[in-house]
């Protein structure tokens, strides 16, 4: 059977797949080009409408799988994930986008331009929410993190979470592809253009307004400190290397506190290996300078239980507070018992503690928002090449929950961010052989975000809406094909 006249020439398919793959590669990299993520889906969506369904499915998988190979070096060579798991990490997201594109194709070919415009944002967002619900890695890899350098759009997370930010990223290219479809009737183009354009305009306007109405209600002087070099991770305090590392931390904190006023010092995850949580030199520092000191520790203080712990030394306290990491890296941290509670520290401002991977999960933002947290202190440990991405994932939680974040990562970045997701100060400790420190004043606000109340509702509502759109294709009145364009 001859193809209808608006099917693309064969030579147009490969360039479209290549353009989407290249855009996805750079738009979702460990340090992404935010604008590339907005444009990447457009070529593929534009030709998918004009292809037979099996060909469109194959083109979708190839485009997003090839683009997803940008994670290969990180997953296989840096983290050393087994090859089958790496292949799964690349293939599954690409496969998940196949029904998303096919839904768009079916709606667009029926001339339902408005429905097609919102189909990809709804379906992609809903499936991403569903995947995060079951993934041990939480929201890692979500397209919303590509927009961390675009503060106005980032503010949508305060209302709809990262799901809302990702929705916008998918909306623009889908709207353009739907409007460009040969089957888009004139009467259907305007509602799609107005509807999609209005959503994007409202989001940008809200974000711009929110960034301007942000008077601080307080501030805290924070010092972030990482001692780099060999032997700076899980150094046993009962061994010479542990006592030497502790002495280096004490000397650096003494230097910083002696030079200027600071309120809190945060050091990385798993800096020390401890068999007793009380560490006299750190407690003495806290008492002498009237400062709070937070440091990560491999905690062997409980019989038969090992934990990944953040120890908090406050002035004039008999023992440090302890927070236990809740979300552990599968396999790599199997020796630890996970924590099951959030930790809030005494005094003002309202301050909580979390550790590294905890910030990959939206529950951390919701829970701390409910606790009224203004400042979250986060010891972390990154893998050098993922310093930007993993640090910005934590920043997203601050926007969702309405709190500032002080995060210090060994082999990563030292980052201070406010509740709007703006980077107040940042330094890199990746590959450092010596101490890296950062001292800055962090503005605080008493922010109550809508996300605090609604949580991830936007994610599951998007999935529900996408299912309803797919079901509507079976309705005779809405789902019938145009006689001029046979459907495969």
Protein backbone atom coordinates (compact mmCIF):
# COMPACT_ATOMS: atom_id res chain seq x y z
CA UNK A 1 0.00 0.00 0.00
CA UNK A 2 1.37 3.43 -0.93
CA UNK A 3 2.18 5.78 1.90
CA UNK A 4 0.04 8.91 2.30
CA UNK A 5 1.61 12.08 0.93
CA UNK A 6 2.50 13.54 4.30
CA UNK A 7 4.71 10.61 5.31
CA UNK A 8 8.33 11.78 5.55
CA UNK A 9 10.86 10.84 2.91
CA UNK A 10 13.10 8.03 4.08
CA UNK A 11 16.10 10.30 4.27
CA UNK A 12 14.35 12.49 6.91
CA UNK A 13 13.97 9.76 9.53
CA UNK A 14 17.65 9.13 10.27
CA UNK A 15 18.53 12.83 10.72
CA UNK A 16 15.57 13.22 13.09
CA UNK A 17 16.70 10.28 15.19
CA UNK A 18 20.28 11.57 15.22
CA UNK A 19 19.23 15.10 16.18
CA UNK A 20 17.10 13.85 19.06
CA UNK A 21 19.86 11.50 20.24
CA UNK A 22 22.47 14.27 20.14
CA UNK A 23 20.15 16.72 21.88
CA UNK A 24 19.30 14.16 24.55
CA UNK A 25 23.00 13.33 25.02
CA UNK A 26 23.94 16.93 25.79
CA UNK A 27 20.63 17.89 27.38
CA UNK A 28 20.69 15.14 30.00
CA UNK A 29 24.43 14.87 30.64
CA UNK A 30 26.00 14.98 34.09
CA UNK A 31 26.45 18.71 33.46
CA UNK A 32 23.62 19.32 30.98
CA UNK A 33 22.87 22.08 28.51
CA UNK A 34 19.43 23.05 29.80
CA UNK A 35 18.18 24.35 26.46
CA UNK A 36 19.13 21.12 24.66
CA UNK A 37 16.68 19.15 26.82
CA UNK A 38 13.83 21.41 25.62
CA UNK A 39 14.68 20.91 21.95
CA UNK A 40 15.82 17.28 21.82
CA UNK A 41 12.41 15.54 21.51
CA UNK A 42 11.17 17.82 18.71
CA UNK A 43 12.75 16.15 15.64
CA UNK A 44 11.69 12.67 16.73
CA UNK A 45 8.12 13.74 17.55
CA UNK A 46 7.82 15.61 14.25
CA UNK A 47 8.63 12.53 12.17
CA UNK A 48 6.90 10.00 14.45
CA UNK A 49 3.50 11.41 13.44
CA UNK A 50 4.32 10.60 9.80
CA UNK A 51 5.69 7.08 10.37
CA UNK A 52 4.07 3.71 10.72
CA UNK A 53 3.66 2.69 14.37
CA UNK A 54 6.39 -0.03 14.46
CA UNK A 55 8.89 2.29 12.78
CA UNK A 56 8.02 5.12 15.17
CA UNK A 57 8.51 2.80 18.13
CA UNK A 58 11.92 1.69 16.88
CA UNK A 59 13.00 5.26 16.12
CA UNK A 60 11.96 6.37 19.61
CA UNK A 61 13.91 3.61 21.31
CA UNK A 62 17.03 4.23 19.23
CA UNK A 63 17.00 8.00 19.72
CA UNK A 64 16.63 7.94 23.49
CA UNK A 65 18.81 4.87 24.05
CA UNK A 66 21.68 6.39 22.08
CA UNK A 67 21.19 9.68 23.91
CA UNK A 68 21.13 7.80 27.22
CA UNK A 69 24.55 6.33 26.53
CA UNK A 70 25.94 9.61 27.89
CA UNK A 71 25.76 7.85 31.30
CA UNK A 72 27.89 4.88 30.19
CA UNK A 73 31.25 6.11 31.49
CA UNK A 74 29.75 7.21 34.80
CA UNK A 75 27.79 4.02 35.46
CA UNK A 76 30.21 1.45 34.06
CA UNK A 77 33.66 2.95 34.58
CA UNK A 78 33.24 5.28 37.58
CA UNK A 79 30.65 3.58 39.79
CA UNK A 80 31.52 0.17 38.28
CA UNK A 81 27.95 -1.06 38.00
CA UNK A 82 27.78 -4.51 36.33
CA UNK A 83 27.30 -4.41 32.58
CA UNK A 84 23.78 -5.94 32.57
CA UNK A 85 22.62 -3.28 35.04
CA UNK A 86 24.17 -0.51 32.94
CA UNK A 87 22.39 -1.79 29.83
CA UNK A 88 19.16 -1.89 31.78
CA UNK A 89 19.69 1.69 33.00
CA UNK A 90 20.05 2.83 29.38
CA UNK A 91 17.34 0.67 27.80
CA UNK A 92 14.49 0.94 30.30
CA UNK A 93 14.02 4.75 30.10
CA UNK A 94 14.15 4.54 26.29
CA UNK A 95 11.59 1.74 26.27
CA UNK A 96 9.35 3.71 28.62
CA UNK A 97 9.23 6.56 26.11
CA UNK A 98 7.99 4.30 23.29
CA UNK A 99 4.32 4.23 24.48
CA UNK A 100 4.60 7.95 25.25
CA UNK A 101 5.51 8.78 21.65
CA UNK A 102 3.00 6.31 20.22
CA UNK A 103 0.23 7.97 22.25
CA UNK A 104 1.26 11.36 20.85
CA UNK A 105 1.36 9.92 17.35
CA UNK A 106 -2.11 8.40 17.59
CA UNK A 107 -3.69 11.61 18.91
CA UNK A 108 -1.90 13.87 16.42
CA UNK A 109 -2.87 11.69 13.45
CA UNK A 110 -6.49 11.96 14.49
CA UNK A 111 -6.26 15.73 14.42
CA UNK A 112 -6.59 16.06 18.22
CA UNK A 113 -3.93 18.73 18.49
CA UNK A 114 -4.66 19.93 22.03
CA UNK A 115 -4.74 16.38 23.41
CA UNK A 116 -1.54 15.53 21.54
CA UNK A 117 0.17 18.64 22.91
CA UNK A 118 -0.36 17.55 26.50
CA UNK A 119 -0.03 13.80 25.95
CA UNK A 120 3.76 13.57 26.10
CA UNK A 121 4.19 15.82 29.18
CA UNK A 122 1.47 13.90 31.01
CA UNK A 123 2.62 10.42 30.03
CA UNK A 124 6.34 11.05 30.51
CA UNK A 125 5.74 12.72 33.88
CA UNK A 126 3.38 10.00 35.05
CA UNK A 127 5.73 7.18 34.07
CA UNK A 128 8.67 8.97 35.70
CA UNK A 129 6.66 9.26 38.92
CA UNK A 130 5.77 5.57 38.74
CA UNK A 131 9.39 4.59 38.15
CA UNK A 132 10.63 6.68 41.07
CA UNK A 133 8.11 5.00 43.36
CA UNK A 134 9.86 1.64 42.85
CA UNK A 135 13.44 2.64 42.08
CA UNK A 136 16.11 2.26 44.80
CA UNK A 137 17.69 5.35 43.24
CA UNK A 138 14.66 7.59 43.67
CA UNK A 139 14.45 10.40 41.15
CA UNK A 140 17.93 10.00 39.67
CA UNK A 141 17.88 10.69 35.94
CA UNK A 142 14.72 12.80 35.94
CA UNK A 143 14.68 15.39 33.17
CA UNK A 144 13.79 18.17 35.66
CA UNK A 145 17.38 18.19 36.95
CA UNK A 146 18.51 19.50 33.58
CA UNK A 147 16.90 22.84 34.46
CA UNK A 148 18.79 23.59 37.67
CA UNK A 149 20.51 26.58 36.05
CA UNK A 150 17.15 28.12 35.09
CA UNK A 151 15.81 29.57 38.39
CA UNK A 152 12.45 30.93 37.12
CA UNK A 153 11.38 27.53 35.78
CA UNK A 154 12.79 25.84 38.87
CA UNK A 155 10.25 27.63 41.07
CA UNK A 156 7.49 25.38 39.70
CA UNK A 157 8.93 22.68 41.97
CA UNK A 158 7.61 24.62 44.99
CA UNK A 159 4.10 23.86 43.70
CA UNK A 160 4.26 20.60 41.75
CA UNK A 161 7.65 19.21 42.68
CA UNK A 162 10.22 18.22 40.11
CA UNK A 163 7.32 16.58 38.23
CA UNK A 164 6.04 20.01 37.26
CA UNK A 165 9.44 21.12 36.01
CA UNK A 166 9.79 18.00 33.87
CA UNK A 167 6.27 18.51 32.53
CA UNK A 168 7.28 21.92 31.17
CA UNK A 169 10.42 20.56 29.52
CA UNK A 170 8.33 18.02 27.60
CA UNK A 171 5.54 20.48 26.84
CA UNK A 172 7.37 22.90 24.54
CA UNK A 173 8.70 20.40 21.96
CA UNK A 174 5.45 18.43 22.02
CA UNK A 175 3.39 21.55 21.37
CA UNK A 176 5.62 22.52 18.45
CA UNK A 177 5.51 19.02 16.97
CA UNK A 178 1.71 18.88 17.28
CA UNK A 179 1.32 22.27 15.60
CA UNK A 180 3.63 21.19 12.78
CA UNK A 181 1.68 18.02 12.12
CA UNK A 182 0.13 17.84 8.65
CA UNK A 183 -3.01 16.46 10.23
CA UNK A 184 -3.47 19.39 12.60
CA UNK A 185 -6.69 21.17 11.52
CA UNK A 186 -6.69 24.95 11.66
CA UNK A 187 -9.42 24.98 14.27
CA UNK A 188 -7.30 22.69 16.49
CA UNK A 189 -4.04 24.61 16.25
CA UNK A 190 -5.16 27.68 18.13
CA UNK A 191 -6.39 25.89 21.28
CA UNK A 192 -3.12 23.93 21.40
CA UNK A 193 -1.00 27.03 20.90
CA UNK A 194 -2.96 29.06 23.46
CA UNK A 195 -3.20 26.20 25.97
CA UNK A 196 0.44 25.17 25.81
CA UNK A 197 1.71 28.74 25.56
CA UNK A 198 -0.40 29.84 28.51
CA UNK A 199 0.96 27.07 30.74
CA UNK A 200 4.55 27.97 29.84
CA UNK A 201 3.90 31.70 30.32
CA UNK A 202 2.24 31.21 33.70
CA UNK A 203 5.11 29.03 34.88
CA UNK A 204 7.76 31.55 33.78
CA UNK A 205 5.77 34.45 35.24
CA UNK A 206 5.26 32.69 38.56
CA UNK A 207 8.95 31.84 38.79
CA UNK A 208 10.03 35.39 38.03
CA UNK A 209 7.60 36.78 40.60
CA UNK A 210 8.69 34.30 43.27
CA UNK A 211 12.35 35.18 42.84
CA UNK A 212 11.56 38.85 43.40
CA UNK A 213 9.40 38.37 46.51
CA UNK A 214 11.93 36.63 48.69
CA UNK A 215 12.95 38.81 51.63
CA UNK A 216 15.04 36.79 54.09
CA UNK A 217 13.83 36.43 57.67
CA UNK A 218 17.18 35.31 59.06
CA UNK A 219 20.65 34.14 58.18
CA UNK A 220 23.30 31.69 59.28
CA UNK A 221 27.04 31.75 58.81
CA UNK A 222 28.13 28.36 57.44
CA UNK A 223 31.54 26.79 56.92
CA UNK A 224 31.80 23.75 54.66
CA UNK A 225 35.01 21.74 55.00
CA UNK A 226 36.45 18.69 53.26
CA UNK A 227 39.89 17.22 53.93
CA UNK A 228 40.92 15.60 50.68
CA UNK A 229 43.69 13.24 49.81
CA UNK A 230 44.49 9.63 50.61
CA UNK A 231 43.09 8.30 53.88
CA UNK A 232 40.36 10.95 54.14
CA UNK A 233 37.47 8.48 54.04
CA UNK A 234 36.29 6.24 56.90
CA UNK A 235 39.54 6.79 58.79
CA UNK A 236 39.50 4.61 61.93
CA UNK A 237 39.84 6.74 65.06
CA UNK A 238 41.50 3.77 66.78
CA UNK A 239 44.26 3.79 64.16
CA UNK A 240 46.99 6.36 63.48
CA UNK A 241 45.45 7.49 60.18
CA UNK A 242 42.18 8.22 61.98
CA UNK A 243 43.74 10.33 64.69
CA UNK A 244 45.77 12.19 62.06
CA UNK A 245 42.68 12.95 59.98
CA UNK A 246 40.74 14.10 63.04
CA UNK A 247 43.65 16.37 63.97
CA UNK A 248 43.55 17.91 60.50
CA UNK A 249 39.82 18.59 60.81
CA UNK A 250 40.31 20.12 64.25
CA UNK A 251 43.13 22.34 62.98
CA UNK A 252 41.11 23.55 59.98
CA UNK A 253 37.99 24.25 62.04
CA UNK A 254 40.13 26.08 64.59
CA UNK A 255 41.63 28.17 61.83
CA UNK A 256 38.25 29.06 60.28
CA UNK A 257 36.52 29.76 63.60
CA UNK A 258 39.46 31.84 64.77
CA UNK A 259 39.41 34.02 61.66
CA UNK A 260 35.71 34.90 61.49
CA UNK A 261 32.35 34.29 63.10
CA UNK A 262 30.65 31.08 62.05
CA UNK A 263 27.56 29.31 63.34
CA UNK A 264 27.92 25.83 61.89
CA UNK A 265 30.57 23.65 60.27
CA UNK A 266 29.65 20.73 58.00
CA UNK A 267 32.12 18.00 56.97
CA UNK A 268 31.62 15.14 54.46
CA UNK A 269 29.92 11.77 54.73
CA UNK A 270 31.90 8.86 56.23
CA UNK A 271 34.91 10.97 57.11
CA UNK A 272 35.69 8.94 60.22
CA UNK A 273 35.15 5.39 61.44
CA UNK A 274 34.02 5.55 65.05
CA UNK A 275 33.36 2.97 67.74
CA UNK A 276 32.19 5.60 70.19
CA UNK A 277 30.13 8.57 69.05
CA UNK A 278 31.59 10.95 71.61
CA UNK A 279 34.67 12.59 70.05
CA UNK A 280 36.28 14.81 72.67
CA UNK A 281 38.30 17.11 70.35
CA UNK A 282 35.22 17.99 68.27
CA UNK A 283 33.08 18.55 71.35
CA UNK A 284 35.78 20.79 72.81
CA UNK A 285 35.83 22.81 69.57
CA UNK A 286 32.06 23.23 69.66
CA UNK A 287 32.20 24.35 73.31
CA UNK A 288 35.12 26.73 72.85
CA UNK A 289 33.78 28.56 69.79
CA UNK A 290 30.04 28.16 70.42
CA UNK A 291 29.53 26.49 67.04
CA UNK A 292 27.68 23.45 65.73
CA UNK A 293 29.83 20.80 64.03
CA UNK A 294 28.37 18.12 61.74
CA UNK A 295 30.55 15.31 60.42
CA UNK A 296 29.80 12.01 58.68
CA UNK A 297 30.96 8.77 60.27
CA UNK A 298 30.99 5.06 59.63
CA UNK A 299 29.40 4.18 62.93
CA UNK A 300 30.34 0.92 64.71
CA UNK A 301 29.19 2.03 68.14
CA UNK A 302 26.26 -0.42 68.32
CA UNK A 303 26.92 -4.16 68.74
CA UNK A 304 26.40 -6.08 65.49
CA UNK A 305 25.02 -3.00 63.69
CA UNK A 306 26.90 -0.67 61.40
CA UNK A 307 25.38 2.62 60.31
CA UNK A 308 26.16 5.52 58.03
CA UNK A 309 25.79 8.34 60.52
CA UNK A 310 25.97 12.11 60.73
CA UNK A 311 27.21 13.20 64.16
CA UNK A 312 26.20 16.65 65.43
CA UNK A 313 28.25 18.32 68.15
CA UNK A 314 26.49 21.24 69.83
CA UNK A 315 28.01 23.44 72.55
CA UNK A 316 27.58 22.26 76.13
CA UNK A 317 25.93 18.96 75.17
CA UNK A 318 26.91 15.71 76.92
CA UNK A 319 26.80 13.66 73.71
CA UNK A 320 26.43 14.31 69.99
CA UNK A 321 23.11 13.90 68.22
CA UNK A 322 23.11 11.14 65.59
CA UNK A 323 21.25 10.90 62.32
CA UNK A 324 21.25 7.58 60.43
CA UNK A 325 21.19 7.59 56.64
CA UNK A 326 17.84 6.31 55.40
CA UNK A 327 18.54 5.62 51.73
CA UNK A 328 21.58 3.41 51.17
CA UNK A 329 23.28 2.66 47.85
CA UNK A 330 22.23 -0.89 46.88
CA UNK A 331 25.10 -3.32 47.23
CA UNK A 332 27.73 -0.68 47.97
CA UNK A 333 26.29 0.13 51.40
CA UNK A 334 24.80 -3.28 52.17
CA UNK A 335 26.84 -3.46 55.39
CA UNK A 336 24.83 -0.63 56.93
CA UNK A 337 21.46 -0.73 58.64
CA UNK A 338 19.19 2.03 57.28
CA UNK A 339 17.76 4.70 59.53
CA UNK A 340 14.02 5.18 59.88
CA UNK A 341 13.61 8.70 61.31
CA UNK A 342 14.23 12.34 60.45
CA UNK A 343 16.43 14.39 62.75
CA UNK A 344 15.71 17.96 63.83
CA UNK A 345 18.24 19.79 65.97
CA UNK A 346 17.50 21.91 68.99
CA UNK A 347 17.27 25.68 68.80
CA UNK A 348 16.64 28.20 66.06
CA UNK A 349 16.67 28.30 63.10
CA UNK A 350 14.78 25.07 62.50
CA UNK A 351 17.59 22.80 61.30
CA UNK A 352 17.51 19.23 60.02
CA UNK A 353 20.13 16.70 58.98
CA UNK A 354 20.27 14.33 56.01
CA UNK A 355 23.01 12.38 54.22
CA UNK A 356 23.82 12.36 50.50
CA UNK A 357 21.47 9.85 48.79
CA UNK A 358 18.59 10.80 51.10
CA UNK A 359 18.22 13.88 48.89
CA UNK A 360 17.56 11.72 45.80
CA UNK A 361 14.07 11.06 47.17
CA UNK A 362 11.20 13.55 47.23
CA UNK A 363 10.03 12.21 50.62
CA UNK A 364 13.00 14.01 52.17
CA UNK A 365 11.64 17.34 50.93
CA UNK A 366 8.06 16.58 52.02
CA UNK A 367 9.02 15.38 55.48
CA UNK A 368 11.31 18.29 56.24
CA UNK A 369 8.75 20.74 54.86
CA UNK A 370 6.21 19.28 57.28
CA UNK A 371 8.72 19.68 60.12
CA UNK A 372 9.16 23.37 59.27
CA UNK A 373 12.84 22.98 58.36
CA UNK A 374 14.59 26.20 57.34
CA UNK A 375 18.09 24.75 56.95
CA UNK A 376 19.21 21.23 56.04
CA UNK A 377 22.78 20.16 56.80
CA UNK A 378 24.02 17.43 54.43
CA UNK A 379 27.30 15.50 54.60
CA UNK A 380 27.79 13.76 51.26
CA UNK A 381 30.17 11.74 49.12
CA UNK A 382 30.14 12.05 45.33
CA UNK A 383 32.18 10.48 42.51
CA UNK A 384 33.92 13.52 41.04
CA UNK A 385 32.25 13.47 37.58
CA UNK A 386 28.74 13.59 39.11
CA UNK A 387 29.54 16.53 41.40
CA UNK A 388 27.27 19.01 39.61
CA UNK A 389 24.32 16.69 39.10
CA UNK A 390 24.20 15.10 42.52
CA UNK A 391 24.65 18.44 44.22
CA UNK A 392 21.84 19.99 42.17
CA UNK A 393 19.52 17.08 42.95
CA UNK A 394 19.82 18.11 46.59
CA UNK A 395 19.13 21.73 45.68
CA UNK A 396 15.83 20.64 44.06
CA UNK A 397 14.67 19.23 47.41
CA UNK A 398 15.22 22.63 48.96
CA UNK A 399 12.94 24.29 46.39
CA UNK A 400 10.26 21.65 46.88
CA UNK A 401 10.38 21.82 50.67
CA UNK A 402 11.19 25.50 51.11
CA UNK A 403 14.52 25.29 52.96
CA UNK A 404 18.15 26.25 52.45
CA UNK A 405 20.78 23.53 52.10
CA UNK A 406 24.39 23.33 53.24
CA UNK A 407 25.92 20.32 51.48
CA UNK A 408 29.56 19.25 51.49
CA UNK A 409 30.68 16.30 49.37
CA UNK A 410 33.99 14.52 49.34
CA UNK A 411 35.03 14.22 45.68
CA UNK A 412 32.23 16.65 44.86
CA UNK A 413 31.12 20.20 45.47
CA UNK A 414 30.71 22.30 48.57
CA UNK A 415 27.37 23.98 47.95
CA UNK A 416 25.24 26.52 49.77
CA UNK A 417 21.79 27.07 48.24
CA UNK A 418 18.74 29.00 49.39
CA UNK A 419 15.11 27.90 49.44
CA UNK A 420 14.63 29.22 45.88
CA UNK A 421 17.35 26.95 44.53
CA UNK A 422 19.87 29.74 43.93
CA UNK A 423 23.50 28.89 44.56
CA UNK A 424 24.74 31.28 47.22
CA UNK A 425 28.31 29.95 47.18
CA UNK A 426 30.08 26.92 45.76
CA UNK A 427 33.55 25.36 45.63
CA UNK A 428 34.88 22.10 44.26
CA UNK A 429 36.58 19.43 46.35
CA UNK A 430 36.71 16.92 43.49
CA UNK A 431 40.16 15.42 43.25
CA UNK A 432 41.54 17.69 45.98
CA UNK A 433 44.66 16.46 47.81
CA UNK A 434 44.26 18.91 50.67
CA UNK A 435 41.64 20.84 52.60
CA UNK A 436 38.87 22.63 50.72
CA UNK A 437 36.69 25.06 52.63
CA UNK A 438 33.89 27.48 51.89
CA UNK A 439 32.48 30.09 54.26
CA UNK A 440 29.43 32.21 53.44
CA UNK A 441 26.28 33.70 54.90
CA UNK A 442 23.20 31.72 53.94
CA UNK A 443 19.85 33.59 53.91
CA UNK A 444 16.94 31.79 55.56
CA UNK A 445 13.20 32.15 55.12
CA UNK A 446 10.09 30.75 56.73
CA UNK A 447 8.78 29.29 53.49
CA UNK A 448 5.67 27.14 53.28
CA UNK A 449 5.43 25.68 49.79
CA UNK A 450 2.25 24.23 48.24
CA UNK A 451 4.32 21.10 47.58
CA UNK A 452 4.44 20.60 51.33
CA UNK A 453 0.69 19.90 51.26
CA UNK A 454 0.25 18.31 47.82
CA UNK A 455 3.42 16.24 47.65
CA UNK A 456 3.74 14.13 44.51
CA UNK A 457 0.09 14.50 43.50
CA UNK A 458 1.08 16.11 40.19
CA UNK A 459 3.01 12.97 39.27
CA UNK A 460 0.23 10.45 39.79
CA UNK A 461 -2.43 12.79 38.42
CA UNK A 462 -0.36 13.09 35.24
CA UNK A 463 -0.28 9.32 34.94
CA UNK A 464 -4.04 9.13 35.43
CA UNK A 465 -4.64 11.81 32.79
CA UNK A 466 -2.36 10.00 30.31
CA UNK A 467 -4.24 6.74 30.85
CA UNK A 468 -7.54 8.55 30.21
CA UNK A 469 -6.14 10.04 26.99
CA UNK A 470 -5.05 6.61 25.83
CA UNK A 471 -8.48 5.16 26.71
CA UNK A 472 -10.20 7.94 24.76
CA UNK A 473 -8.68 6.59 21.56
CA UNK A 474 -11.15 3.73 21.79
CA UNK A 475 -14.16 6.05 21.77
CA UNK A 476 -15.76 6.11 18.31
CA UNK A 477 -16.37 9.86 18.17
CA UNK A 478 -12.93 10.95 19.43
CA UNK A 479 -10.85 8.04 18.27
CA UNK A 480 -11.87 7.56 14.64
CA UNK A 481 -9.18 8.10 12.07
CA UNK A 482 -9.30 10.66 9.35
CA UNK A 483 -10.15 8.89 6.07
CA UNK A 484 -7.38 10.79 4.33
CA UNK A 485 -4.66 9.31 6.55
CA UNK A 486 -4.93 5.57 7.19
CA UNK A 487 -3.56 4.37 10.51
CA UNK A 488 -1.37 1.31 10.90
